Amino acid sequence: MILYGISNCDTVKKAKNWLDKQNIDYSFHDFRKQGLDAETINGWLETVAWDKILNKRSTSWRNLDASVQQGIDENNLVQLLVENPTLIKRPVMQVNGIISIGFNADTYRGIFN
């Protein structure tokens, strides 16, 4: 099981705390420090809609040029996320072929029970 995110994100901290309290083993991939590749993101997009992965509420999104924001679609999203991983809604949990975006304790409970 891999939990993707950035270490200083409050939502990632909540997810890590929940996993720790449930004694669930996971590896954490900080995509700000370790980066992400197109293959990983494309794997997520096989089960999750592209607009669910893109975080339009982030500071990174607000800092993008308006022309870039308006031109984003499923065809150019992967390259944008590889170059700007903080645009990804966090955390992304990958476990047994399941991809979960964001943290919700009930969703996590459903995955692990």
C-alpha atoms as a PDB file:
ATOM      1  CA  MET A   1       0.000   0.000   0.000  1.00  0.00           C
ATOM      2  CA  ILE A   2       1.314   3.406  -0.955  1.00  0.00           C
ATOM      3  CA  LEU A   3       0.110   6.758   0.312  1.00  0.00           C
ATOM      4  CA  TYR A   4       1.084   9.638  -1.979  1.00  0.00           C
ATOM      5  CA  GLY A   5       1.114  13.259  -0.936  1.00  0.00           C
ATOM      6  CA  ILE A   6       3.275  15.937   0.597  1.00  0.00           C
ATOM      7  CA  SER A   7       4.393  15.684   4.186  1.00  0.00           C
ATOM      8  CA  ASN A   8       3.197  19.108   5.343  1.00  0.00           C
ATOM      9  CA  CYS A   9      -0.374  18.708   4.013  1.00  0.00           C
ATOM     10  CA  ASP A  10      -2.968  18.581   6.811  1.00  0.00           C
ATOM     11  CA  THR A  11      -5.175  16.104   4.953  1.00  0.00           C
ATOM     12  CA  VAL A  12      -2.214  13.797   4.380  1.00  0.00           C
ATOM     13  CA  LYS A  13      -1.413  14.035   8.096  1.00  0.00           C
ATOM     14  CA  LYS A  14      -5.010  13.010   8.920  1.00  0.00           C
ATOM     15  CA  ALA A  15      -4.776  10.014   6.587  1.00  0.00           C
ATOM     16  CA  LYS A  16      -1.412   8.934   8.012  1.00  0.00           C
ATOM     17  CA  ASN A  17      -2.764   9.295  11.554  1.00  0.00           C
ATOM     18  CA  TRP A  18      -5.825   7.192  10.693  1.00  0.00           C
ATOM     19  CA  LEU A  19      -3.691   4.469   9.077  1.00  0.00           C
ATOM     20  CA  ASP A  20      -1.321   4.448  12.061  1.00  0.00           C
ATOM     21  CA  LYS A  21      -4.209   4.121  14.541  1.00  0.00           C
ATOM     22  CA  GLN A  22      -5.564   1.168  12.537  1.00  0.00           C
ATOM     23  CA  ASN A  23      -2.077  -0.448  12.492  1.00  0.00           C
ATOM     24  CA  ILE A  24      -2.112  -0.502   8.699  1.00  0.00           C
ATOM     25  CA  ASP A  25       1.321  -0.726   7.104  1.00  0.00           C
ATOM     26  CA  TYR A  26       1.969   1.685   4.269  1.00  0.00           C
ATOM     27  CA  SER A  27       4.806   3.394   2.511  1.00  0.00           C
ATOM     28  CA  PHE A  28       4.647   7.139   2.062  1.00  0.00           C
ATOM     29  CA  HIS A  29       5.702   8.740  -1.214  1.00  0.00           C
ATOM     30  CA  ASP A  30       6.259  12.488  -0.911  1.00  0.00           C
ATOM     31  CA  PHE A  31       5.777  13.615  -4.480  1.00  0.00           C
ATOM     32  CA  ARG A  32       7.179  17.047  -3.775  1.00  0.00           C
ATOM     33  CA  LYS A  33      10.500  15.477  -2.736  1.00  0.00           C
ATOM     34  CA  GLN A  34      10.454  12.238  -4.750  1.00  0.00           C
ATOM     35  CA  GLY A  35       8.498  13.424  -7.776  1.00  0.00           C
ATOM     36  CA  LEU A  36       6.034  11.427  -9.856  1.00  0.00           C
ATOM     37  CA  ASP A  37       6.198   9.858 -13.275  1.00  0.00           C
ATOM     38  CA  ALA A  38       3.627   9.795 -16.046  1.00  0.00           C
ATOM     39  CA  GLU A  39       3.195   6.022 -15.709  1.00  0.00           C
ATOM     40  CA  THR A  40       2.004   6.355 -12.099  1.00  0.00           C
ATOM     41  CA  ILE A  41      -0.450   9.135 -12.917  1.00  0.00           C
ATOM     42  CA  ASN A  42      -1.754   7.263 -15.972  1.00  0.00           C
ATOM     43  CA  GLY A  43      -2.331   4.251 -13.710  1.00  0.00           C
ATOM     44  CA  TRP A  44      -4.486   6.379 -11.416  1.00  0.00           C
ATOM     45  CA  LEU A  45      -6.404   7.723 -14.395  1.00  0.00           C
ATOM     46  CA  GLU A  46      -7.438   4.198 -15.359  1.00  0.00           C
ATOM     47  CA  THR A  47      -9.819   4.157 -12.381  1.00  0.00           C
ATOM     48  CA  VAL A  48     -10.263   7.817 -11.381  1.00  0.00           C
ATOM     49  CA  ALA A  49     -11.606  10.663 -13.524  1.00  0.00           C
ATOM     50  CA  TRP A  50      -8.968  13.269 -14.331  1.00  0.00           C
ATOM     51  CA  ASP A  51     -10.999  16.102 -12.828  1.00  0.00           C
ATOM     52  CA  LYS A  52     -11.088  14.260  -9.478  1.00  0.00           C
ATOM     53  CA  ILE A  53      -7.287  14.194  -9.299  1.00  0.00           C
ATOM     54  CA  LEU A  54      -6.747  17.862 -10.172  1.00  0.00           C
ATOM     55  CA  ASN A  55      -6.985  20.124  -7.124  1.00  0.00           C
ATOM     56  CA  LYS A  56      -8.446  23.407  -8.315  1.00  0.00           C
ATOM     57  CA  ARG A  57      -8.554  24.736  -4.748  1.00  0.00           C
ATOM     58  CA  SER A  58      -4.793  24.615  -4.259  1.00  0.00           C
ATOM     59  CA  THR A  59      -2.375  27.517  -4.143  1.00  0.00           C
ATOM     60  CA  SER A  60      -0.517  25.868  -7.010  1.00  0.00           C
ATOM     61  CA  TRP A  61      -3.679  26.069  -9.127  1.00  0.00           C
ATOM     62  CA  ARG A  62      -4.239  29.726  -8.290  1.00  0.00           C
ATOM     63  CA  ASN A  63      -0.627  30.468  -9.255  1.00  0.00           C
ATOM     64  CA  LEU A  64      -1.033  28.990 -12.744  1.00  0.00           C
ATOM     65  CA  ASP A  65      -1.500  31.345 -15.638  1.00  0.00           C
ATOM     66  CA  ALA A  66      -5.190  31.627 -16.599  1.00  0.00           C
ATOM     67  CA  SER A  67      -4.452  30.379 -20.114  1.00  0.00           C
ATOM     68  CA  VAL A  68      -2.924  27.194 -18.656  1.00  0.00           C
ATOM     69  CA  GLN A  69      -5.913  26.695 -16.341  1.00  0.00           C
ATOM     70  CA  GLN A  70      -8.392  27.081 -19.196  1.00  0.00           C
ATOM     71  CA  GLY A  71      -6.455  24.764 -21.487  1.00  0.00           C
ATOM     72  CA  ILE A  72      -6.272  21.768 -19.164  1.00  0.00           C
ATOM     73  CA  ASP A  73      -7.968  18.585 -20.314  1.00  0.00           C
ATOM     74  CA  GLU A  74      -7.377  14.844 -20.105  1.00  0.00           C
ATOM     75  CA  ASN A  75      -4.871  15.078 -22.971  1.00  0.00           C
ATOM     76  CA  ASN A  76      -2.387  17.410 -21.283  1.00  0.00           C
ATOM     77  CA  LEU A  77      -3.120  16.812 -17.609  1.00  0.00           C
ATOM     78  CA  VAL A  78      -0.508  14.108 -17.019  1.00  0.00           C
ATOM     79  CA  GLN A  79       2.414  16.257 -18.145  1.00  0.00           C
ATOM     80  CA  LEU A  80       1.137  19.182 -16.063  1.00  0.00           C
ATOM     81  CA  LEU A  81       0.912  16.960 -12.953  1.00  0.00           C
ATOM     82  CA  VAL A  82       4.378  15.498 -13.518  1.00  0.00           C
ATOM     83  CA  GLU A  83       5.757  19.043 -13.689  1.00  0.00           C
ATOM     84  CA  ASN A  84       3.548  20.359 -10.842  1.00  0.00           C
ATOM     85  CA  PRO A  85       2.665  17.471  -8.489  1.00  0.00           C
ATOM     86  CA  THR A  86       1.239  19.847  -5.882  1.00  0.00           C
ATOM     87  CA  LEU A  87      -1.745  20.235  -8.249  1.00  0.00           C
ATOM     88  CA  ILE A  88      -2.807  16.716  -7.236  1.00  0.00           C
ATOM     89  CA  LYS A  89      -5.610  16.398  -4.718  1.00  0.00           C
ATOM     90  CA  ARG A  90      -4.129  14.757  -1.630  1.00  0.00           C
ATOM     91  CA  PRO A  91      -3.613  12.168  -0.430  1.00  0.00           C
ATOM     92  CA  VAL A  92      -3.731   9.524  -3.129  1.00  0.00           C
ATOM     93  CA  MET A  93      -3.913   6.026  -1.679  1.00  0.00           C
ATOM     94  CA  GLN A  94      -3.109   3.036  -3.846  1.00  0.00           C
ATOM     95  CA  VAL A  95      -3.970  -0.363  -2.394  1.00  0.00           C
ATOM     96  CA  ASN A  96      -4.821  -3.649  -4.144  1.00  0.00           C
ATOM     97  CA  GLY A  97      -5.740  -1.929  -7.410  1.00  0.00           C
ATOM     98  CA  ILE A  98      -7.930   0.629  -5.632  1.00  0.00           C
ATOM     99  CA  ILE A  99      -7.149   4.321  -5.953  1.00  0.00           C
ATOM    100  CA  SER A 100      -8.634   6.660  -3.364  1.00  0.00           C
ATOM    101  CA  ILE A 101      -8.296  10.438  -3.688  1.00  0.00           C
ATOM    102  CA  GLY A 102      -8.501  12.640  -0.607  1.00  0.00           C
ATOM    103  CA  PHE A 103      -9.105  11.429   2.919  1.00  0.00           C
ATOM    104  CA  ASN A 104     -12.412  10.247   4.310  1.00  0.00           C
ATOM    105  CA  ALA A 105     -12.378   7.892   7.305  1.00  0.00           C
ATOM    106  CA  ASP A 106     -15.542   6.086   6.142  1.00  0.00           C
ATOM    107  CA  THR A 107     -14.044   5.498   2.687  1.00  0.00           C
ATOM    108  CA  TYR A 108     -10.824   4.191   4.206  1.00  0.00           C
ATOM    109  CA  ARG A 109     -12.806   1.941   6.583  1.00  0.00           C
ATOM    110  CA  GLY A 110     -14.691   0.514   3.608  1.00  0.00           C
ATOM    111  CA  ILE A 111     -11.458  -0.249   1.792  1.00  0.00           C
ATOM    112  CA  PHE A 112      -9.784  -2.001   4.711  1.00  0.00           C
ATOM    113  CA  ASN A 113     -12.759  -3.861   6.205  1.00  0.00           C
END
